[in-house]
């Protein structure tokens, strides 16, 4: 049997969801017998491949690079899992939203000028800092999401429950406080 293609993607977030993924510990060995990890910040793979069976998307969409990435990921993936509270709701990454779209410049000013210890300057070269979007959005506001996996970060138990069901061709049933709580 051909292993399923698994990918993980990191958009605007802290990488805590990926750290929780690594907390799967010895189940990672079992998982490795069932999937090929075809894209992830945990591996040195530069381009998101076509034909991905399952993708875990961590983080919200907050800049032009995230936007381009999420469209590519959705187009090339069969099952997209919104992975963690930032992907599901925007969470911490969306804290700049109440400042309004007119304040993107002031956000950059605060981060790169006002709070700089040395060499205060806003990066201007193309490709250094992707342009911020007017508003940070959870993944489902941009593309269709198949499965929501809440948590900040989701526990290894929740991640395993979702992946195990998907690998068996079933719809994950996150039931009970330990499997569906946020935060």
N, C-alpha and C. Protein backbone atom coordinates (compact mmCIF):
# COMPACT_ATOMS: atom_id res chain seq x y z
N UNK A 1 0.84 -1.18 0.00
CA UNK A 1 0.00 0.00 0.00
C UNK A 1 0.88 1.25 0.00
N UNK A 2 0.54 2.22 -0.83
CA UNK A 2 1.29 3.46 -0.93
C UNK A 2 1.00 4.33 0.29
N UNK A 3 2.06 4.81 0.95
CA UNK A 3 1.82 5.69 2.11
C UNK A 3 1.13 6.98 1.69
N UNK A 4 0.32 7.52 2.61
CA UNK A 4 -0.32 8.81 2.36
C UNK A 4 0.74 9.90 2.42
N UNK A 5 0.50 10.98 1.67
CA UNK A 5 1.40 12.13 1.69
C UNK A 5 0.90 13.11 2.76
N UNK A 6 1.77 13.39 3.75
CA UNK A 6 1.46 14.30 4.84
C UNK A 6 2.34 15.54 4.72
N UNK A 7 1.73 16.69 4.96
CA UNK A 7 2.48 17.95 4.98
C UNK A 7 2.07 18.74 6.22
N UNK A 8 2.98 19.58 6.68
CA UNK A 8 2.64 20.57 7.71
C UNK A 8 3.14 21.91 7.22
N UNK A 9 2.36 22.95 7.52
CA UNK A 9 2.68 24.30 7.05
C UNK A 9 2.62 25.24 8.25
N UNK A 10 3.52 26.20 8.26
CA UNK A 10 3.58 27.19 9.33
C UNK A 10 3.38 28.57 8.75
N UNK A 11 2.24 29.20 9.06
CA UNK A 11 1.95 30.56 8.62
C UNK A 11 2.27 31.50 9.78
N UNK A 12 1.35 32.41 10.13
CA UNK A 12 1.59 33.36 11.21
C UNK A 12 1.25 32.77 12.56
N UNK A 13 2.24 32.32 13.27
CA UNK A 13 2.07 31.72 14.59
C UNK A 13 3.42 31.53 15.23
N UNK A 14 3.44 30.85 16.35
CA UNK A 14 4.66 30.74 17.15
C UNK A 14 5.42 29.43 16.97
N UNK A 15 4.90 28.50 16.22
CA UNK A 15 5.41 27.14 15.99
C UNK A 15 5.11 26.20 17.15
N UNK A 16 4.29 26.65 18.11
CA UNK A 16 3.91 25.78 19.22
C UNK A 16 3.16 24.54 18.78
N UNK A 17 2.37 24.66 17.73
CA UNK A 17 1.62 23.51 17.23
C UNK A 17 2.58 22.45 16.66
N UNK A 18 3.62 22.91 15.98
CA UNK A 18 4.62 21.96 15.48
C UNK A 18 5.39 21.32 16.63
N UNK A 19 5.64 22.09 17.69
CA UNK A 19 6.31 21.50 18.86
C UNK A 19 5.43 20.44 19.50
N UNK A 20 4.12 20.70 19.54
CA UNK A 20 3.18 19.72 20.07
C UNK A 20 3.12 18.49 19.17
N UNK A 21 3.23 18.69 17.86
CA UNK A 21 3.30 17.56 16.92
C UNK A 21 4.49 16.66 17.27
N UNK A 22 5.62 17.26 17.61
CA UNK A 22 6.78 16.47 17.99
C UNK A 22 6.57 15.74 19.31
N UNK A 23 5.63 16.21 20.12
CA UNK A 23 5.29 15.53 21.37
C UNK A 23 4.54 14.22 21.14
N UNK A 24 4.28 13.88 19.90
CA UNK A 24 3.69 12.57 19.61
C UNK A 24 4.65 11.44 19.97
N UNK A 25 5.90 11.81 20.23
CA UNK A 25 6.94 10.88 20.70
C UNK A 25 6.99 9.61 19.87
N UNK A 26 6.85 8.44 20.52
CA UNK A 26 7.03 7.17 19.81
C UNK A 26 5.95 6.93 18.75
N UNK A 27 4.79 7.61 18.85
CA UNK A 27 3.79 7.44 17.80
C UNK A 27 4.27 8.03 16.49
N UNK A 28 5.25 8.93 16.54
CA UNK A 28 5.85 9.45 15.31
C UNK A 28 6.47 8.33 14.48
N UNK A 29 7.01 7.33 15.17
CA UNK A 29 7.59 6.17 14.47
C UNK A 29 6.49 5.40 13.76
N UNK A 30 5.37 5.18 14.43
CA UNK A 30 4.23 4.51 13.79
C UNK A 30 3.70 5.34 12.63
N UNK A 31 3.61 6.65 12.84
CA UNK A 31 3.13 7.55 11.79
C UNK A 31 4.03 7.47 10.57
N UNK A 32 5.33 7.41 10.80
CA UNK A 32 6.30 7.36 9.69
C UNK A 32 6.14 6.11 8.82
N UNK A 33 5.53 5.07 9.36
CA UNK A 33 5.29 3.86 8.56
C UNK A 33 4.04 3.99 7.70
N UNK A 34 3.22 5.02 8.00
CA UNK A 34 1.95 5.18 7.28
C UNK A 34 1.94 6.37 6.32
N UNK A 35 2.90 7.28 6.46
CA UNK A 35 2.91 8.49 5.64
C UNK A 35 4.31 8.78 5.11
N UNK A 36 4.32 9.57 4.07
CA UNK A 36 5.55 10.22 3.62
C UNK A 36 5.40 11.69 3.96
N UNK A 37 6.31 12.23 4.75
CA UNK A 37 6.30 13.66 5.06
C UNK A 37 6.88 14.38 3.85
N UNK A 38 6.00 15.05 3.09
CA UNK A 38 6.42 15.63 1.82
C UNK A 38 6.70 17.13 1.88
N UNK A 39 6.31 17.77 3.00
CA UNK A 39 6.57 19.20 3.16
C UNK A 39 6.37 19.55 4.62
N UNK A 40 7.29 20.34 5.18
CA UNK A 40 7.17 20.74 6.58
C UNK A 40 8.32 21.67 6.93
N UNK A 41 8.10 22.57 7.93
CA UNK A 41 9.24 23.33 8.42
C UNK A 41 10.20 22.42 9.19
N UNK A 42 9.79 21.19 9.45
CA UNK A 42 10.65 20.21 10.13
C UNK A 42 11.59 19.51 9.15
N UNK A 43 11.40 19.76 7.85
CA UNK A 43 12.22 19.14 6.82
C UNK A 43 12.68 20.23 5.84
N UNK A 44 13.74 19.99 5.15
CA UNK A 44 14.28 20.98 4.22
C UNK A 44 13.71 20.74 2.83
N UNK A 45 12.44 21.10 2.66
CA UNK A 45 11.74 20.95 1.38
C UNK A 45 11.27 22.35 0.99
N UNK A 46 11.68 22.81 -0.18
CA UNK A 46 11.47 24.21 -0.55
C UNK A 46 10.13 24.50 -1.21
N UNK A 47 9.56 23.56 -1.94
CA UNK A 47 8.34 23.84 -2.70
C UNK A 47 7.23 22.89 -2.27
N UNK A 48 6.04 23.44 -2.05
CA UNK A 48 4.90 22.62 -1.66
C UNK A 48 4.48 21.74 -2.85
N UNK A 49 4.45 20.43 -2.67
CA UNK A 49 4.19 19.52 -3.79
C UNK A 49 2.71 19.35 -4.09
N UNK A 50 2.39 18.89 -5.28
CA UNK A 50 1.00 18.54 -5.59
C UNK A 50 0.65 17.17 -4.99
N UNK A 51 -0.63 16.88 -4.88
CA UNK A 51 -1.08 15.56 -4.47
C UNK A 51 -0.91 15.23 -3.00
N UNK A 52 -0.94 16.23 -2.13
CA UNK A 52 -0.83 16.00 -0.69
C UNK A 52 -2.17 15.46 -0.18
N UNK A 53 -2.13 14.38 0.60
CA UNK A 53 -3.36 13.80 1.14
C UNK A 53 -3.87 14.57 2.35
N UNK A 54 -2.98 14.87 3.30
CA UNK A 54 -3.36 15.56 4.54
C UNK A 54 -2.34 16.65 4.82
N UNK A 55 -2.84 17.84 5.13
CA UNK A 55 -1.94 18.93 5.53
C UNK A 55 -2.46 19.54 6.84
N UNK A 56 -1.54 19.75 7.76
CA UNK A 56 -1.81 20.47 9.00
C UNK A 56 -1.29 21.89 8.79
N UNK A 57 -2.19 22.89 8.87
CA UNK A 57 -1.79 24.28 8.65
C UNK A 57 -1.83 25.02 9.98
N UNK A 58 -0.66 25.40 10.47
CA UNK A 58 -0.53 26.17 11.70
C UNK A 58 -0.47 27.65 11.38
N UNK A 59 -1.14 28.46 12.17
CA UNK A 59 -1.02 29.90 12.07
C UNK A 59 -2.10 30.54 11.22
N UNK A 60 -2.22 31.85 11.38
CA UNK A 60 -3.19 32.64 10.64
C UNK A 60 -2.54 33.26 9.41
N UNK A 61 -3.37 33.85 8.58
CA UNK A 61 -2.91 34.49 7.35
C UNK A 61 -2.78 35.98 7.63
N UNK A 62 -1.54 36.46 7.69
CA UNK A 62 -1.30 37.84 8.08
C UNK A 62 -0.48 38.66 7.11
N UNK A 63 0.11 38.00 6.10
CA UNK A 63 0.91 38.76 5.14
C UNK A 63 0.77 38.17 3.75
N UNK A 64 1.33 38.84 2.76
CA UNK A 64 1.18 38.44 1.37
C UNK A 64 1.76 37.04 1.11
N UNK A 65 2.84 36.71 1.78
CA UNK A 65 3.44 35.38 1.62
C UNK A 65 2.51 34.29 2.15
N UNK A 66 1.89 34.52 3.29
CA UNK A 66 0.92 33.55 3.84
C UNK A 66 -0.23 33.34 2.86
N UNK A 67 -0.72 34.43 2.29
CA UNK A 67 -1.85 34.37 1.37
C UNK A 67 -1.51 33.50 0.15
N UNK A 68 -0.36 33.74 -0.42
CA UNK A 68 0.07 32.95 -1.57
C UNK A 68 0.23 31.48 -1.17
N UNK A 69 0.83 31.24 -0.01
CA UNK A 69 1.06 29.87 0.45
C UNK A 69 -0.25 29.13 0.67
N UNK A 70 -1.23 29.76 1.34
CA UNK A 70 -2.46 29.04 1.67
C UNK A 70 -3.26 28.70 0.42
N UNK A 71 -3.23 29.56 -0.59
CA UNK A 71 -3.90 29.22 -1.85
C UNK A 71 -3.24 28.02 -2.52
N UNK A 72 -1.92 27.99 -2.53
CA UNK A 72 -1.19 26.85 -3.11
C UNK A 72 -1.48 25.57 -2.32
N UNK A 73 -1.43 25.67 -1.00
CA UNK A 73 -1.68 24.51 -0.14
C UNK A 73 -3.07 23.94 -0.38
N UNK A 74 -4.08 24.81 -0.43
CA UNK A 74 -5.46 24.34 -0.64
C UNK A 74 -5.60 23.67 -2.00
N UNK A 75 -5.03 24.27 -3.01
CA UNK A 75 -5.13 23.75 -4.37
C UNK A 75 -4.48 22.37 -4.50
N UNK A 76 -3.42 22.12 -3.74
CA UNK A 76 -2.64 20.90 -3.90
C UNK A 76 -2.89 19.86 -2.81
N UNK A 77 -3.90 20.08 -1.95
CA UNK A 77 -4.13 19.18 -0.82
C UNK A 77 -5.57 18.67 -0.82
N UNK A 78 -5.72 17.41 -0.47
CA UNK A 78 -7.05 16.79 -0.39
C UNK A 78 -7.76 17.17 0.90
N UNK A 79 -7.08 17.03 2.05
CA UNK A 79 -7.66 17.33 3.36
C UNK A 79 -6.80 18.38 4.05
N UNK A 80 -7.42 19.54 4.34
CA UNK A 80 -6.73 20.62 5.02
C UNK A 80 -7.24 20.71 6.45
N UNK A 81 -6.31 20.57 7.40
CA UNK A 81 -6.62 20.66 8.82
C UNK A 81 -6.15 22.02 9.33
N UNK A 82 -7.08 22.80 9.87
CA UNK A 82 -6.75 24.07 10.52
C UNK A 82 -6.18 23.70 11.89
N UNK A 83 -4.88 23.88 12.06
CA UNK A 83 -4.08 23.28 13.13
C UNK A 83 -3.75 24.31 14.21
N UNK A 84 -4.54 24.33 15.28
CA UNK A 84 -4.29 25.24 16.39
C UNK A 84 -5.16 26.48 16.35
N UNK A 85 -5.22 27.17 17.49
CA UNK A 85 -6.12 28.31 17.63
C UNK A 85 -5.82 29.46 16.68
N UNK A 86 -4.57 29.71 16.33
CA UNK A 86 -4.27 30.80 15.39
C UNK A 86 -4.88 30.49 14.02
N UNK A 87 -4.76 29.26 13.57
CA UNK A 87 -5.35 28.87 12.28
C UNK A 87 -6.87 28.84 12.35
N UNK A 88 -7.42 28.44 13.50
CA UNK A 88 -8.87 28.30 13.66
C UNK A 88 -9.56 29.64 13.88
N UNK A 89 -8.97 30.53 14.71
CA UNK A 89 -9.65 31.78 15.08
C UNK A 89 -8.86 33.05 14.80
N UNK A 90 -7.59 32.94 14.52
CA UNK A 90 -6.71 34.11 14.41
C UNK A 90 -5.90 34.30 15.68
N UNK A 91 -6.53 34.04 16.83
CA UNK A 91 -5.90 34.04 18.15
C UNK A 91 -4.92 35.20 18.34
N UNK A 92 -3.76 34.94 18.87
CA UNK A 92 -2.78 35.98 19.21
C UNK A 92 -2.34 36.75 17.97
N UNK A 93 -2.19 36.07 16.85
CA UNK A 93 -1.71 36.74 15.65
C UNK A 93 -2.67 37.82 15.17
N UNK A 94 -3.95 37.72 15.54
CA UNK A 94 -4.95 38.69 15.11
C UNK A 94 -5.10 39.86 16.09
N UNK A 95 -4.25 39.93 17.10
CA UNK A 95 -4.35 41.01 18.07
C UNK A 95 -4.12 42.39 17.46
N UNK A 96 -3.50 42.44 16.29
CA UNK A 96 -3.31 43.74 15.66
C UNK A 96 -4.57 44.21 14.92
N UNK A 97 -5.54 43.33 14.72
CA UNK A 97 -6.74 43.71 13.96
C UNK A 97 -7.52 44.89 14.53
N UNK A 98 -7.69 44.99 15.85
CA UNK A 98 -8.45 46.14 16.37
C UNK A 98 -7.79 47.50 16.08
N UNK A 99 -6.51 47.48 15.74
CA UNK A 99 -5.83 48.73 15.41
C UNK A 99 -6.27 49.28 14.06
N UNK A 100 -6.82 48.41 13.22
CA UNK A 100 -7.34 48.83 11.93
C UNK A 100 -6.31 48.76 10.82
N UNK A 101 -6.82 48.69 9.60
CA UNK A 101 -5.97 48.57 8.41
C UNK A 101 -5.06 49.78 8.24
N UNK A 102 -5.52 50.95 8.70
CA UNK A 102 -4.72 52.16 8.55
C UNK A 102 -3.47 52.15 9.42
N UNK A 103 -3.39 51.20 10.34
CA UNK A 103 -2.27 51.18 11.28
C UNK A 103 -1.18 50.18 10.94
N UNK A 104 -1.22 49.57 9.75
CA UNK A 104 -0.15 48.64 9.38
C UNK A 104 1.20 49.35 9.44
N UNK A 105 1.26 50.56 8.93
CA UNK A 105 2.51 51.34 8.98
C UNK A 105 2.96 51.63 10.40
N UNK A 106 2.01 51.93 11.27
CA UNK A 106 2.38 52.22 12.66
C UNK A 106 2.84 50.97 13.39
N UNK A 107 2.34 49.82 12.99
CA UNK A 107 2.79 48.55 13.57
C UNK A 107 4.25 48.30 13.21
N UNK A 108 4.58 48.51 11.94
CA UNK A 108 5.97 48.34 11.51
C UNK A 108 6.87 49.37 12.19
N UNK A 109 6.38 50.59 12.31
CA UNK A 109 7.13 51.65 13.00
C UNK A 109 7.43 51.22 14.44
N UNK A 110 6.44 50.72 15.13
CA UNK A 110 6.61 50.31 16.53
C UNK A 110 7.62 49.17 16.65
N UNK A 111 7.50 48.17 15.78
CA UNK A 111 8.37 46.99 15.85
C UNK A 111 9.81 47.27 15.44
N UNK A 112 9.98 47.96 14.32
CA UNK A 112 11.31 48.10 13.74
C UNK A 112 12.04 49.41 14.10
N UNK A 113 11.29 50.42 14.55
CA UNK A 113 11.92 51.70 14.88
C UNK A 113 11.86 51.96 16.39
N UNK A 114 10.65 52.06 16.92
CA UNK A 114 10.47 52.44 18.32
C UNK A 114 11.10 51.44 19.29
N UNK A 115 11.02 50.17 19.02
CA UNK A 115 11.50 49.14 19.95
C UNK A 115 12.88 48.58 19.58
N UNK A 116 13.51 49.15 18.58
CA UNK A 116 14.81 48.65 18.14
C UNK A 116 15.90 49.03 19.14
N UNK A 117 16.77 48.08 19.44
CA UNK A 117 17.92 48.34 20.30
C UNK A 117 19.07 48.96 19.50
N UNK A 118 19.24 48.48 18.28
CA UNK A 118 20.30 49.00 17.41
C UNK A 118 19.77 49.09 15.98
N UNK A 119 20.31 49.98 15.20
CA UNK A 119 20.01 50.13 13.78
C UNK A 119 18.51 50.16 13.46
N UNK A 120 17.78 51.09 14.02
CA UNK A 120 16.35 51.15 13.73
C UNK A 120 16.08 51.46 12.26
N UNK A 121 15.40 50.55 11.58
CA UNK A 121 14.99 50.78 10.20
C UNK A 121 13.95 49.74 9.81
N UNK A 122 13.01 50.16 9.01
CA UNK A 122 12.02 49.23 8.49
C UNK A 122 12.61 48.57 7.26
N UNK A 123 12.69 47.23 7.23
CA UNK A 123 13.25 46.54 6.06
C UNK A 123 12.47 46.91 4.80
N UNK A 124 13.19 47.28 3.76
CA UNK A 124 12.56 47.72 2.53
C UNK A 124 12.80 46.80 1.34
N UNK A 125 13.82 45.97 1.42
CA UNK A 125 14.14 45.11 0.28
C UNK A 125 13.06 44.07 0.05
N UNK A 126 12.72 43.85 -1.19
CA UNK A 126 11.73 42.84 -1.55
C UNK A 126 12.18 41.48 -1.03
N UNK A 127 11.26 40.77 -0.41
CA UNK A 127 11.56 39.43 0.07
C UNK A 127 12.05 39.37 1.51
N UNK A 128 12.34 40.50 2.11
CA UNK A 128 12.83 40.50 3.49
C UNK A 128 11.65 40.39 4.46
N UNK A 129 10.72 41.31 4.39
CA UNK A 129 9.51 41.27 5.20
C UNK A 129 8.33 41.35 4.23
N UNK A 130 7.55 40.26 4.12
CA UNK A 130 6.39 40.30 3.21
C UNK A 130 5.41 41.38 3.64
N UNK A 131 4.78 42.04 2.70
CA UNK A 131 3.81 43.08 3.06
C UNK A 131 2.69 42.52 3.94
N UNK A 132 2.39 43.26 5.01
CA UNK A 132 1.31 42.85 5.90
C UNK A 132 -0.03 43.08 5.21
N UNK A 133 -0.96 42.17 5.45
CA UNK A 133 -2.33 42.36 4.99
C UNK A 133 -3.02 43.34 5.93
N UNK A 134 -4.09 43.95 5.48
CA UNK A 134 -4.81 44.90 6.32
C UNK A 134 -5.37 44.25 7.58
N UNK A 135 -5.65 42.95 7.50
CA UNK A 135 -6.24 42.24 8.62
C UNK A 135 -5.72 40.81 8.65
N UNK A 136 -5.43 40.30 9.85
CA UNK A 136 -5.05 38.90 10.02
C UNK A 136 -6.33 38.07 9.99
N UNK A 137 -6.32 36.99 9.23
CA UNK A 137 -7.50 36.14 9.07
C UNK A 137 -7.20 34.70 9.47
N UNK A 138 -8.17 34.01 10.09
CA UNK A 138 -8.03 32.57 10.29
C UNK A 138 -8.10 31.89 8.91
N UNK A 139 -7.58 30.70 8.81
CA UNK A 139 -7.46 30.01 7.53
C UNK A 139 -8.80 29.88 6.80
N UNK A 140 -9.88 29.54 7.52
CA UNK A 140 -11.17 29.30 6.87
C UNK A 140 -11.77 30.56 6.23
N UNK A 141 -11.27 31.73 6.58
CA UNK A 141 -11.75 32.96 5.94
C UNK A 141 -11.14 33.14 4.56
N UNK A 142 -10.11 32.36 4.26
CA UNK A 142 -9.41 32.49 2.98
C UNK A 142 -9.69 31.30 2.07
N UNK A 143 -9.61 30.08 2.62
CA UNK A 143 -9.83 28.86 1.84
C UNK A 143 -10.72 27.91 2.64
N UNK A 144 -11.26 26.90 1.96
CA UNK A 144 -12.07 25.89 2.64
C UNK A 144 -11.21 25.04 3.55
N UNK A 145 -11.72 24.77 4.74
CA UNK A 145 -11.05 23.93 5.73
C UNK A 145 -11.89 22.67 5.91
N UNK A 146 -11.23 21.52 5.99
CA UNK A 146 -11.94 20.26 6.14
C UNK A 146 -12.08 19.83 7.60
N UNK A 147 -11.06 20.11 8.41
CA UNK A 147 -11.05 19.68 9.81
C UNK A 147 -10.48 20.81 10.65
N UNK A 148 -11.12 21.07 11.80
CA UNK A 148 -10.64 22.08 12.75
C UNK A 148 -10.04 21.36 13.95
N UNK A 149 -8.82 21.73 14.30
CA UNK A 149 -8.10 21.14 15.43
C UNK A 149 -7.69 22.27 16.38
N UNK A 150 -8.59 22.64 17.33
CA UNK A 150 -8.30 23.76 18.22
C UNK A 150 -7.27 23.41 19.28
N UNK A 151 -6.77 24.45 19.92
CA UNK A 151 -5.82 24.31 21.02
C UNK A 151 -4.66 25.26 20.81
N UNK A 152 -4.08 25.71 21.90
CA UNK A 152 -2.96 26.64 21.83
C UNK A 152 -1.84 26.16 22.76
N UNK A 153 -1.10 25.20 22.28
CA UNK A 153 -1.29 24.40 21.07
C UNK A 153 -2.20 23.22 21.35
N UNK A 154 -2.68 22.55 20.29
CA UNK A 154 -3.43 21.31 20.53
C UNK A 154 -2.48 20.28 21.14
N UNK A 155 -3.00 19.49 22.03
CA UNK A 155 -2.17 18.47 22.67
C UNK A 155 -1.82 17.37 21.68
N UNK A 156 -0.78 16.65 21.98
CA UNK A 156 -0.39 15.50 21.16
C UNK A 156 -1.54 14.50 21.08
N UNK A 157 -2.31 14.36 22.15
CA UNK A 157 -3.46 13.45 22.16
C UNK A 157 -4.48 13.86 21.11
N UNK A 158 -4.76 15.17 21.00
CA UNK A 158 -5.70 15.66 19.99
C UNK A 158 -5.15 15.47 18.57
N UNK A 159 -3.89 15.79 18.40
CA UNK A 159 -3.27 15.64 17.08
C UNK A 159 -3.33 14.19 16.64
N UNK A 160 -3.00 13.30 17.55
CA UNK A 160 -3.04 11.86 17.23
C UNK A 160 -4.45 11.41 16.89
N UNK A 161 -5.45 11.88 17.64
CA UNK A 161 -6.84 11.49 17.38
C UNK A 161 -7.27 11.90 15.97
N UNK A 162 -6.89 13.11 15.57
CA UNK A 162 -7.24 13.59 14.23
C UNK A 162 -6.50 12.80 13.16
N UNK A 163 -5.20 12.68 13.30
CA UNK A 163 -4.41 11.97 12.28
C UNK A 163 -4.80 10.50 12.17
N UNK A 164 -5.00 9.84 13.30
CA UNK A 164 -5.36 8.41 13.27
C UNK A 164 -6.67 8.20 12.51
N UNK A 165 -7.66 9.05 12.78
CA UNK A 165 -8.94 8.93 12.07
C UNK A 165 -8.76 9.19 10.57
N UNK A 166 -8.06 10.25 10.22
CA UNK A 166 -7.85 10.58 8.80
C UNK A 166 -7.10 9.48 8.07
N UNK A 167 -6.12 8.89 8.72
CA UNK A 167 -5.34 7.81 8.10
C UNK A 167 -6.19 6.56 7.86
N UNK A 168 -7.26 6.42 8.65
CA UNK A 168 -8.18 5.30 8.47
C UNK A 168 -9.32 5.65 7.52
N UNK A 169 -9.27 6.85 6.96
CA UNK A 169 -10.31 7.28 6.04
C UNK A 169 -11.59 7.73 6.74
N UNK A 170 -11.50 8.01 8.03
CA UNK A 170 -12.66 8.43 8.81
C UNK A 170 -12.62 9.93 9.09
N UNK A 171 -13.79 10.48 9.40
CA UNK A 171 -13.87 11.87 9.82
C UNK A 171 -13.55 11.92 11.31
N UNK A 172 -12.59 12.75 11.71
CA UNK A 172 -12.25 12.83 13.14
C UNK A 172 -13.45 13.28 13.97
N UNK A 173 -13.61 12.64 15.12
CA UNK A 173 -14.68 13.00 16.07
C UNK A 173 -14.03 13.52 17.33
N UNK A 174 -13.87 14.83 17.41
CA UNK A 174 -13.31 15.43 18.61
C UNK A 174 -14.44 15.68 19.58
N UNK A 175 -14.54 14.81 20.56
CA UNK A 175 -15.64 14.85 21.53
C UNK A 175 -15.04 14.86 22.94
N UNK A 176 -15.64 15.65 23.80
CA UNK A 176 -15.18 15.72 25.18
C UNK A 176 -14.23 16.87 25.40
N UNK A 177 -14.15 17.30 26.64
CA UNK A 177 -13.38 18.48 27.00
C UNK A 177 -11.92 18.42 26.56
N UNK A 178 -11.29 17.30 26.70
CA UNK A 178 -9.87 17.22 26.36
C UNK A 178 -9.59 17.27 24.86
N UNK A 179 -10.59 16.99 24.05
CA UNK A 179 -10.36 16.99 22.60
C UNK A 179 -10.89 18.21 21.88
N UNK A 180 -11.74 19.03 22.54
CA UNK A 180 -12.32 20.15 21.80
C UNK A 180 -12.08 21.52 22.41
N UNK A 181 -11.38 21.62 23.53
CA UNK A 181 -11.22 22.93 24.16
C UNK A 181 -10.21 23.80 23.42
N UNK A 182 -10.42 25.10 23.54
CA UNK A 182 -9.49 26.07 22.99
C UNK A 182 -8.48 26.41 24.07
N UNK A 183 -7.34 27.00 23.65
CA UNK A 183 -6.33 27.41 24.62
C UNK A 183 -5.51 26.28 25.16
